[in-house]
């Protein structure tokens, strides 16, 4: 879930495996294990290769219904946490 959260939080930005691992506080090998599944589900998409052609960058698939729901859920969750913390008024 932390891997998906990294893409949602960085919506509109393309990320390398190293970026995702750092943001998700997980190993690069773990990110690699899940990339194909997330891409197959349409949650993320290949964005580009770096100049050397060896490193791929991925981004949240803006056209994916699943990705859109995850983005909205993140907003609702954040709002709820802020309300619990007394930061927002109902």
PDB file of N, CA and C in Angstrom:
ATOM      1  N   UNK A   1       0.819  -1.198   0.000  1.00  0.00           N
ATOM      2  CA  UNK A   1       0.000   0.000   0.000  1.00  0.00           C
ATOM      3  C   UNK A   1       0.863   1.262   0.000  1.00  0.00           C
ATOM      4  N   UNK A   2       2.014   1.216   0.651  1.00  0.00           N
ATOM      5  CA  UNK A   2       2.891   2.389   0.692  1.00  0.00           C
ATOM      6  C   UNK A   2       3.390   2.757  -0.698  1.00  0.00           C
ATOM      7  N   UNK A   3       3.547   1.769  -1.547  1.00  0.00           N
ATOM      8  CA  UNK A   3       4.011   2.029  -2.908  1.00  0.00           C
ATOM      9  C   UNK A   3       2.949   2.808  -3.670  1.00  0.00           C
ATOM     10  N   UNK A   4       1.706   2.384  -3.561  1.00  0.00           N
ATOM     11  CA  UNK A   4       0.609   3.099  -4.213  1.00  0.00           C
ATOM     12  C   UNK A   4       0.501   4.505  -3.644  1.00  0.00           C
ATOM     13  N   UNK A   5       0.621   4.608  -2.342  1.00  0.00           N
ATOM     14  CA  UNK A   5       0.538   5.912  -1.683  1.00  0.00           C
ATOM     15  C   UNK A   5       1.605   6.868  -2.213  1.00  0.00           C
ATOM     16  N   UNK A   6       2.788   6.365  -2.484  1.00  0.00           N
ATOM     17  CA  UNK A   6       3.863   7.210  -3.026  1.00  0.00           C
ATOM     18  C   UNK A   6       3.447   7.808  -4.368  1.00  0.00           C
ATOM     19  N   UNK A   7       2.858   6.986  -5.228  1.00  0.00           N
ATOM     20  CA  UNK A   7       2.409   7.488  -6.528  1.00  0.00           C
ATOM     21  C   UNK A   7       1.258   8.479  -6.377  1.00  0.00           C
ATOM     22  N   UNK A   8       0.346   8.206  -5.461  1.00  0.00           N
ATOM     23  CA  UNK A   8      -0.794   9.104  -5.245  1.00  0.00           C
ATOM     24  C   UNK A   8      -0.314  10.448  -4.707  1.00  0.00           C
ATOM     25  N   UNK A   9       0.582  10.420  -3.742  1.00  0.00           N
ATOM     26  CA  UNK A   9       1.090  11.663  -3.160  1.00  0.00           C
ATOM     27  C   UNK A   9       1.886  12.486  -4.167  1.00  0.00           C
ATOM     28  N   UNK A  10       2.501  11.819  -5.111  1.00  0.00           N
ATOM     29  CA  UNK A  10       3.322  12.507  -6.115  1.00  0.00           C
ATOM     30  C   UNK A  10       2.609  12.555  -7.464  1.00  0.00           C
ATOM     31  N   UNK A  11       1.291  12.618  -7.416  1.00  0.00           N
ATOM     32  CA  UNK A  11       0.464  12.643  -8.628  1.00  0.00           C
ATOM     33  C   UNK A  11       0.969  13.729  -9.580  1.00  0.00           C
ATOM     34  N   UNK A  12       1.093  13.359 -10.852  1.00  0.00           N
ATOM     35  CA  UNK A  12       1.548  14.300 -11.858  1.00  0.00           C
ATOM     36  C   UNK A  12       3.056  14.340 -12.022  1.00  0.00           C
ATOM     37  N   UNK A  13       3.753  13.571 -11.224  1.00  0.00           N
ATOM     38  CA  UNK A  13       5.216  13.529 -11.274  1.00  0.00           C
ATOM     39  C   UNK A  13       5.658  12.114 -11.634  1.00  0.00           C
ATOM     40  N   UNK A  14       6.649  11.987 -12.478  1.00  0.00           N
ATOM     41  CA  UNK A  14       7.146  10.646 -12.789  1.00  0.00           C
ATOM     42  C   UNK A  14       8.245  10.278 -11.802  1.00  0.00           C
ATOM     43  N   UNK A  15       8.226   9.013 -11.393  1.00  0.00           N
ATOM     44  CA  UNK A  15       9.099   8.535 -10.326  1.00  0.00           C
ATOM     45  C   UNK A  15       9.940   7.349 -10.781  1.00  0.00           C
ATOM     46  N   UNK A  16      11.164   7.320 -10.337  1.00  0.00           N
ATOM     47  CA  UNK A  16      12.021   6.155 -10.561  1.00  0.00           C
ATOM     48  C   UNK A  16      11.741   5.138  -9.453  1.00  0.00           C
ATOM     49  N   UNK A  17      12.249   3.948  -9.622  1.00  0.00           N
ATOM     50  CA  UNK A  17      12.104   2.921  -8.587  1.00  0.00           C
ATOM     51  C   UNK A  17      12.743   3.413  -7.287  1.00  0.00           C
ATOM     52  N   UNK A  18      13.877   4.073  -7.396  1.00  0.00           N
ATOM     53  CA  UNK A  18      14.548   4.614  -6.203  1.00  0.00           C
ATOM     54  C   UNK A  18      13.689   5.668  -5.513  1.00  0.00           C
ATOM     55  N   UNK A  19      13.037   6.531  -6.307  1.00  0.00           N
ATOM     56  CA  UNK A  19      12.136   7.541  -5.735  1.00  0.00           C
ATOM     57  C   UNK A  19      11.015   6.873  -4.947  1.00  0.00           C
ATOM     58  N   UNK A  20      10.390   5.881  -5.567  1.00  0.00           N
ATOM     59  CA  UNK A  20       9.264   5.188  -4.929  1.00  0.00           C
ATOM     60  C   UNK A  20       9.727   4.486  -3.661  1.00  0.00           C
ATOM     61  N   UNK A  21      10.864   3.821  -3.722  1.00  0.00           N
ATOM     62  CA  UNK A  21      11.392   3.112  -2.548  1.00  0.00           C
ATOM     63  C   UNK A  21      11.633   4.082  -1.396  1.00  0.00           C
ATOM     64  N   UNK A  22      12.195   5.246  -1.710  1.00  0.00           N
ATOM     65  CA  UNK A  22      12.465   6.249  -0.672  1.00  0.00           C
ATOM     66  C   UNK A  22      11.155   6.779  -0.085  1.00  0.00           C
ATOM     67  N   UNK A  23      10.206   7.130  -0.954  1.00  0.00           N
ATOM     68  CA  UNK A  23       8.930   7.676  -0.491  1.00  0.00           C
ATOM     69  C   UNK A  23       8.116   6.655   0.302  1.00  0.00           C
ATOM     70  N   UNK A  24       8.205   5.393  -0.105  1.00  0.00           N
ATOM     71  CA  UNK A  24       7.448   4.328   0.554  1.00  0.00           C
ATOM     72  C   UNK A  24       8.215   3.712   1.718  1.00  0.00           C
ATOM     73  N   UNK A  25       9.438   4.145   1.901  1.00  0.00           N
ATOM     74  CA  UNK A  25      10.295   3.608   2.959  1.00  0.00           C
ATOM     75  C   UNK A  25      10.369   2.084   2.875  1.00  0.00           C
ATOM     76  N   UNK A  26      10.703   1.620   1.684  1.00  0.00           N
ATOM     77  CA  UNK A  26      10.798   0.188   1.434  1.00  0.00           C
ATOM     78  C   UNK A  26      11.985  -0.080   0.504  1.00  0.00           C
ATOM     79  N   UNK A  27      12.301  -1.328   0.341  1.00  0.00           N
ATOM     80  CA  UNK A  27      13.432  -1.713  -0.510  1.00  0.00           C
ATOM     81  C   UNK A  27      13.073  -1.591  -1.991  1.00  0.00           C
ATOM     82  N   UNK A  28      14.067  -1.291  -2.792  1.00  0.00           N
ATOM     83  CA  UNK A  28      13.854  -1.222  -4.238  1.00  0.00           C
ATOM     84  C   UNK A  28      13.341  -2.559  -4.777  1.00  0.00           C
ATOM     85  N   UNK A  29      13.825  -3.658  -4.213  1.00  0.00           N
ATOM     86  CA  UNK A  29      13.381  -4.982  -4.666  1.00  0.00           C
ATOM     87  C   UNK A  29      11.881  -5.158  -4.445  1.00  0.00           C
ATOM     88  N   UNK A  30      11.368  -4.597  -3.375  1.00  0.00           N
ATOM     89  CA  UNK A  30       9.927  -4.664  -3.100  1.00  0.00           C
ATOM     90  C   UNK A  30       9.152  -3.870  -4.142  1.00  0.00           C
ATOM     91  N   UNK A  31       9.660  -2.708  -4.487  1.00  0.00           N
ATOM     92  CA  UNK A  31       9.010  -1.888  -5.521  1.00  0.00           C
ATOM     93  C   UNK A  31       8.986  -2.653  -6.838  1.00  0.00           C
ATOM     94  N   UNK A  32      10.122  -3.231  -7.217  1.00  0.00           N
ATOM     95  CA  UNK A  32      10.191  -4.006  -8.457  1.00  0.00           C
ATOM     96  C   UNK A  32       9.174  -5.149  -8.463  1.00  0.00           C
ATOM     97  N   UNK A  33       8.951  -5.780  -7.313  1.00  0.00           N
ATOM     98  CA  UNK A  33       8.007  -6.902  -7.219  1.00  0.00           C
ATOM     99  C   UNK A  33       6.583  -6.475  -7.552  1.00  0.00           C
ATOM    100  N   UNK A  34       6.245  -5.217  -7.316  1.00  0.00           N
ATOM    101  CA  UNK A  34       4.860  -4.768  -7.474  1.00  0.00           C
ATOM    102  C   UNK A  34       4.601  -3.923  -8.721  1.00  0.00           C
ATOM    103  N   UNK A  35       5.643  -3.450  -9.377  1.00  0.00           N
ATOM    104  CA  UNK A  35       5.453  -2.564 -10.529  1.00  0.00           C
ATOM    105  C   UNK A  35       4.617  -3.182 -11.639  1.00  0.00           C
ATOM    106  N   UNK A  36       4.924  -4.403 -12.024  1.00  0.00           N
ATOM    107  CA  UNK A  36       4.190  -5.040 -13.123  1.00  0.00           C
ATOM    108  C   UNK A  36       2.713  -5.171 -12.805  1.00  0.00           C
ATOM    109  N   UNK A  37       2.392  -5.576 -11.577  1.00  0.00           N
ATOM    110  CA  UNK A  37       0.989  -5.725 -11.185  1.00  0.00           C
ATOM    111  C   UNK A  37       0.263  -4.387 -11.214  1.00  0.00           C
ATOM    112  N   UNK A  38       0.899  -3.350 -10.685  1.00  0.00           N
ATOM    113  CA  UNK A  38       0.275  -2.023 -10.670  1.00  0.00           C
ATOM    114  C   UNK A  38       0.092  -1.481 -12.085  1.00  0.00           C
ATOM    115  N   UNK A  39       1.050  -1.772 -12.940  1.00  0.00           N
ATOM    116  CA  UNK A  39       0.941  -1.335 -14.333  1.00  0.00           C
ATOM    117  C   UNK A  39      -0.156  -2.122 -15.048  1.00  0.00           C
ATOM    118  N   UNK A  40      -0.224  -3.417 -14.788  1.00  0.00           N
ATOM    119  CA  UNK A  40      -1.250  -4.262 -15.405  1.00  0.00           C
ATOM    120  C   UNK A  40      -2.656  -3.848 -14.968  1.00  0.00           C
ATOM    121  N   UNK A  41      -2.797  -3.453 -13.711  1.00  0.00           N
ATOM    122  CA  UNK A  41      -4.087  -2.982 -13.204  1.00  0.00           C
ATOM    123  C   UNK A  41      -4.440  -1.590 -13.723  1.00  0.00           C
ATOM    124  N   UNK A  42      -3.465  -0.915 -14.309  1.00  0.00           N
ATOM    125  CA  UNK A  42      -3.706   0.418 -14.842  1.00  0.00           C
ATOM    126  C   UNK A  42      -3.558   1.527 -13.826  1.00  0.00           C
ATOM    127  N   UNK A  43      -3.076   1.200 -12.636  1.00  0.00           N
ATOM    128  CA  UNK A  43      -2.916   2.208 -11.587  1.00  0.00           C
ATOM    129  C   UNK A  43      -1.753   3.137 -11.920  1.00  0.00           C
ATOM    130  N   UNK A  44      -0.668   2.568 -12.426  1.00  0.00           N
ATOM    131  CA  UNK A  44       0.481   3.374 -12.846  1.00  0.00           C
ATOM    132  C   UNK A  44       0.756   3.092 -14.313  1.00  0.00           C
ATOM    133  N   UNK A  45       1.574   3.952 -14.905  1.00  0.00           N
ATOM    134  CA  UNK A  45       1.962   3.748 -16.291  1.00  0.00           C
ATOM    135  C   UNK A  45       3.415   4.165 -16.482  1.00  0.00           C
ATOM    136  N   UNK A  46       4.030   3.568 -17.490  1.00  0.00           N
ATOM    137  CA  UNK A  46       5.390   3.940 -17.856  1.00  0.00           C
ATOM    138  C   UNK A  46       5.354   5.382 -18.329  1.00  0.00           C
ATOM    139  N   UNK A  47       6.264   6.204 -17.821  1.00  0.00           N
ATOM    140  CA  UNK A  47       6.306   7.612 -18.212  1.00  0.00           C
ATOM    141  C   UNK A  47       7.421   7.868 -19.219  1.00  0.00           C
ATOM    142  N   UNK A  48       8.621   7.404 -18.896  1.00  0.00           N
ATOM    143  CA  UNK A  48       9.763   7.630 -19.783  1.00  0.00           C
ATOM    144  C   UNK A  48      10.976   6.877 -19.255  1.00  0.00           C
ATOM    145  N   UNK A  49      11.977   6.777 -20.103  1.00  0.00           N
ATOM    146  CA  UNK A  49      13.277   6.252 -19.683  1.00  0.00           C
ATOM    147  C   UNK A  49      14.206   7.432 -19.463  1.00  0.00           C
ATOM    148  N   UNK A  50      15.153   7.261 -18.578  1.00  0.00           N
ATOM    149  CA  UNK A  50      16.127   8.324 -18.348  1.00  0.00           C
ATOM    150  C   UNK A  50      17.099   8.378 -19.517  1.00  0.00           C
ATOM    151  N   UNK A  51      17.955   9.358 -19.511  1.00  0.00           N
ATOM    152  CA  UNK A  51      18.901   9.561 -20.605  1.00  0.00           C
ATOM    153  C   UNK A  51      19.755   8.358 -20.936  1.00  0.00           C
ATOM    154  N   UNK A  52      20.118   7.583 -19.921  1.00  0.00           N
ATOM    155  CA  UNK A  52      20.962   6.414 -20.177  1.00  0.00           C
ATOM    156  C   UNK A  52      20.166   5.225 -20.698  1.00  0.00           C
ATOM    157  N   UNK A  53      18.842   5.319 -20.644  1.00  0.00           N
ATOM    158  CA  UNK A  53      17.985   4.257 -21.145  1.00  0.00           C
ATOM    159  C   UNK A  53      17.845   3.065 -20.229  1.00  0.00           C
ATOM    160  N   UNK A  54      18.539   3.073 -19.107  1.00  0.00           N
ATOM    161  CA  UNK A  54      18.506   1.936 -18.192  1.00  0.00           C
ATOM    162  C   UNK A  54      17.458   2.090 -17.096  1.00  0.00           C
ATOM    163  N   UNK A  55      17.133   3.297 -16.759  1.00  0.00           N
ATOM    164  CA  UNK A  55      16.210   3.539 -15.653  1.00  0.00           C
ATOM    165  C   UNK A  55      14.863   4.016 -16.181  1.00  0.00           C
ATOM    166  N   UNK A  56      13.818   3.316 -15.791  1.00  0.00           N
ATOM    167  CA  UNK A  56      12.467   3.690 -16.204  1.00  0.00           C
ATOM    168  C   UNK A  56      11.827   4.553 -15.127  1.00  0.00           C
ATOM    169  N   UNK A  57      10.928   5.404 -15.567  1.00  0.00           N
ATOM    170  CA  UNK A  57      10.183   6.246 -14.637  1.00  0.00           C
ATOM    171  C   UNK A  57       8.699   5.975 -14.868  1.00  0.00           C
ATOM    172  N   UNK A  58       7.950   5.985 -13.781  1.00  0.00           N
ATOM    173  CA  UNK A  58       6.529   5.669 -13.812  1.00  0.00           C
ATOM    174  C   UNK A  58       5.749   6.803 -13.166  1.00  0.00           C
ATOM    175  N   UNK A  59       4.459   6.850 -13.478  1.00  0.00           N
ATOM    176  CA  UNK A  59       3.601   7.850 -12.860  1.00  0.00           C
ATOM    177  C   UNK A  59       2.215   7.259 -12.643  1.00  0.00           C
ATOM    178  N   UNK A  60       1.455   7.925 -11.800  1.00  0.00           N
ATOM    179  CA  UNK A  60       0.074   7.525 -11.584  1.00  0.00           C
ATOM    180  C   UNK A  60      -0.665   7.686 -12.907  1.00  0.00           C
ATOM    181  N   UNK A  61      -1.453   6.714 -13.285  1.00  0.00           N
ATOM    182  CA  UNK A  61      -2.223   6.784 -14.524  1.00  0.00           C
ATOM    183  C   UNK A  61      -3.433   7.674 -14.283  1.00  0.00           C
ATOM    184  N   UNK A  62      -3.376   8.898 -14.768  1.00  0.00           N
ATOM    185  CA  UNK A  62      -4.428   9.891 -14.534  1.00  0.00           C
ATOM    186  C   UNK A  62      -5.778   9.465 -15.101  1.00  0.00           C
ATOM    187  N   UNK A  63      -5.776   8.561 -16.075  1.00  0.00           N
ATOM    188  CA  UNK A  63      -7.021   8.128 -16.700  1.00  0.00           C
ATOM    189  C   UNK A  63      -7.607   6.885 -16.042  1.00  0.00           C
ATOM    190  N   UNK A  64      -6.930   6.356 -15.058  1.00  0.00           N
ATOM    191  CA  UNK A  64      -7.382   5.148 -14.382  1.00  0.00           C
ATOM    192  C   UNK A  64      -8.437   5.473 -13.334  1.00  0.00           C
ATOM    193  N   UNK A  65      -9.543   4.770 -13.399  1.00  0.00           N
ATOM    194  CA  UNK A  65     -10.600   4.957 -12.403  1.00  0.00           C
ATOM    195  C   UNK A  65     -10.094   4.556 -11.015  1.00  0.00           C
ATOM    196  N   UNK A  66      -9.312   3.505 -10.958  1.00  0.00           N
ATOM    197  CA  UNK A  66      -8.754   3.055  -9.677  1.00  0.00           C
ATOM    198  C   UNK A  66      -7.847   4.131  -9.091  1.00  0.00           C
ATOM    199  N   UNK A  67      -6.970   4.689  -9.917  1.00  0.00           N
ATOM    200  CA  UNK A  67      -6.053   5.732  -9.445  1.00  0.00           C
ATOM    201  C   UNK A  67      -6.825   6.957  -8.978  1.00  0.00           C
ATOM    202  N   UNK A  68      -7.868   7.322  -9.700  1.00  0.00           N
ATOM    203  CA  UNK A  68      -8.681   8.479  -9.316  1.00  0.00           C
ATOM    204  C   UNK A  68      -9.354   8.241  -7.969  1.00  0.00           C
ATOM    205  N   UNK A  69      -9.876   7.042  -7.770  1.00  0.00           N
ATOM    206  CA  UNK A  69     -10.505   6.711  -6.486  1.00  0.00           C
ATOM    207  C   UNK A  69      -9.485   6.723  -5.351  1.00  0.00           C
ATOM    208  N   UNK A  70      -8.294   6.223  -5.611  1.00  0.00           N
ATOM    209  CA  UNK A  70      -7.237   6.241  -4.593  1.00  0.00           C
ATOM    210  C   UNK A  70      -6.859   7.670  -4.233  1.00  0.00           C
ATOM    211  N   UNK A  71      -6.782   8.549  -5.236  1.00  0.00           N
ATOM    212  CA  UNK A  71      -6.452   9.951  -4.993  1.00  0.00           C
ATOM    213  C   UNK A  71      -7.535  10.611  -4.136  1.00  0.00           C
ATOM    214  N   UNK A  72      -8.795  10.345  -4.471  1.00  0.00           N
ATOM    215  CA  UNK A  72      -9.908  10.903  -3.692  1.00  0.00           C
ATOM    216  C   UNK A  72      -9.908  10.346  -2.275  1.00  0.00           C
ATOM    217  N   UNK A  73      -9.630   9.061  -2.139  1.00  0.00           N
ATOM    218  CA  UNK A  73      -9.585   8.433  -0.823  1.00  0.00           C
ATOM    219  C   UNK A  73      -8.500   9.053   0.034  1.00  0.00           C
ATOM    220  N   UNK A  74      -7.362   9.350  -0.564  1.00  0.00           N
ATOM    221  CA  UNK A  74      -6.283   9.985   0.192  1.00  0.00           C
ATOM    222  C   UNK A  74      -6.750  11.329   0.745  1.00  0.00           C
ATOM    223  N   UNK A  75      -7.467  12.101  -0.063  1.00  0.00           N
ATOM    224  CA  UNK A  75      -7.978  13.392   0.385  1.00  0.00           C
ATOM    225  C   UNK A  75      -8.973  13.248   1.519  1.00  0.00           C
ATOM    226  N   UNK A  76      -9.874  12.283   1.415  1.00  0.00           N
ATOM    227  CA  UNK A  76     -10.869  12.039   2.462  1.00  0.00           C
ATOM    228  C   UNK A  76     -10.179  11.593   3.744  1.00  0.00           C
ATOM    229  N   UNK A  77      -9.209  10.710   3.612  1.00  0.00           N
ATOM    230  CA  UNK A  77      -8.479  10.213   4.779  1.00  0.00           C
ATOM    231  C   UNK A  77      -7.723  11.338   5.465  1.00  0.00           C
ATOM    232  N   UNK A  78      -7.049  12.171   4.692  1.00  0.00           N
ATOM    233  CA  UNK A  78      -6.313  13.297   5.258  1.00  0.00           C
ATOM    234  C   UNK A  78      -7.262  14.248   5.971  1.00  0.00           C
ATOM    235  N   UNK A  79      -8.392  14.542   5.351  1.00  0.00           N
ATOM    236  CA  UNK A  79      -9.378  15.437   5.962  1.00  0.00           C
ATOM    237  C   UNK A  79      -9.868  14.855   7.289  1.00  0.00           C
ATOM    238  N   UNK A  80     -10.153  13.564   7.292  1.00  0.00           N
ATOM    239  CA  UNK A  80     -10.632  12.901   8.509  1.00  0.00           C
ATOM    240  C   UNK A  80      -9.575  12.967   9.614  1.00  0.00           C
ATOM    241  N   UNK A  81      -8.332  12.708   9.269  1.00  0.00           N
ATOM    242  CA  UNK A  81      -7.261  12.766  10.265  1.00  0.00           C
ATOM    243  C   UNK A  81      -7.090  14.175  10.821  1.00  0.00           C
ATOM    244  N   UNK A  82      -7.192  15.173   9.959  1.00  0.00           N
ATOM    245  CA  UNK A  82      -7.090  16.557  10.424  1.00  0.00           C
ATOM    246  C   UNK A  82      -8.254  16.916  11.342  1.00  0.00           C
ATOM    247  N   UNK A  83      -9.450  16.430  11.015  1.00  0.00           N
ATOM    248  CA  UNK A  83     -10.613  16.674  11.875  1.00  0.00           C
ATOM    249  C   UNK A  83     -10.415  16.024  13.238  1.00  0.00           C
ATOM    250  N   UNK A  84      -9.891  14.814  13.242  1.00  0.00           N
ATOM    251  CA  UNK A  84      -9.632  14.125  14.505  1.00  0.00           C
ATOM    252  C   UNK A  84      -8.594  14.868  15.335  1.00  0.00           C
ATOM    253  N   UNK A  85      -7.669  15.498  14.641  1.00  0.00           N
ATOM    254  CA  UNK A  85      -6.601  16.230  15.314  1.00  0.00           C
ATOM    255  C   UNK A  85      -7.036  17.644  15.698  1.00  0.00           C
ATOM    256  N   UNK A  86      -8.250  18.025  15.310  1.00  0.00           N
ATOM    257  CA  UNK A  86      -8.768  19.340  15.655  1.00  0.00           C
ATOM    258  C   UNK A  86      -8.297  20.452  14.746  1.00  0.00           C
ATOM    259  N   UNK A  87      -7.682  20.094  13.624  1.00  0.00           N
ATOM    260  CA  UNK A  87      -7.171  21.099  12.691  1.00  0.00           C
ATOM    261  C   UNK A  87      -8.279  21.704  11.837  1.00  0.00           C
ATOM    262  N   UNK A  88      -9.322  20.931  11.563  1.00  0.00           N
ATOM    263  CA  UNK A  88     -10.430  21.409  10.742  1.00  0.00           C
ATOM    264  C   UNK A  88     -11.714  21.383  11.545  1.00  0.00           C
ATOM    265  N   UNK A  89     -12.592  22.296  11.222  1.00  0.00           N
ATOM    266  CA  UNK A  89     -13.915  22.279  11.842  1.00  0.00           C
ATOM    267  C   UNK A  89     -14.886  21.659  10.859  1.00  0.00           C
ATOM    268  N   UNK A  90     -15.903  20.971  11.374  1.00  0.00           N
ATOM    269  CA  UNK A  90     -16.897  20.339  10.490  1.00  0.00           C
ATOM    270  C   UNK A  90     -17.715  21.335   9.777  1.00  0.00           C
TER     271      UNK A  90
END
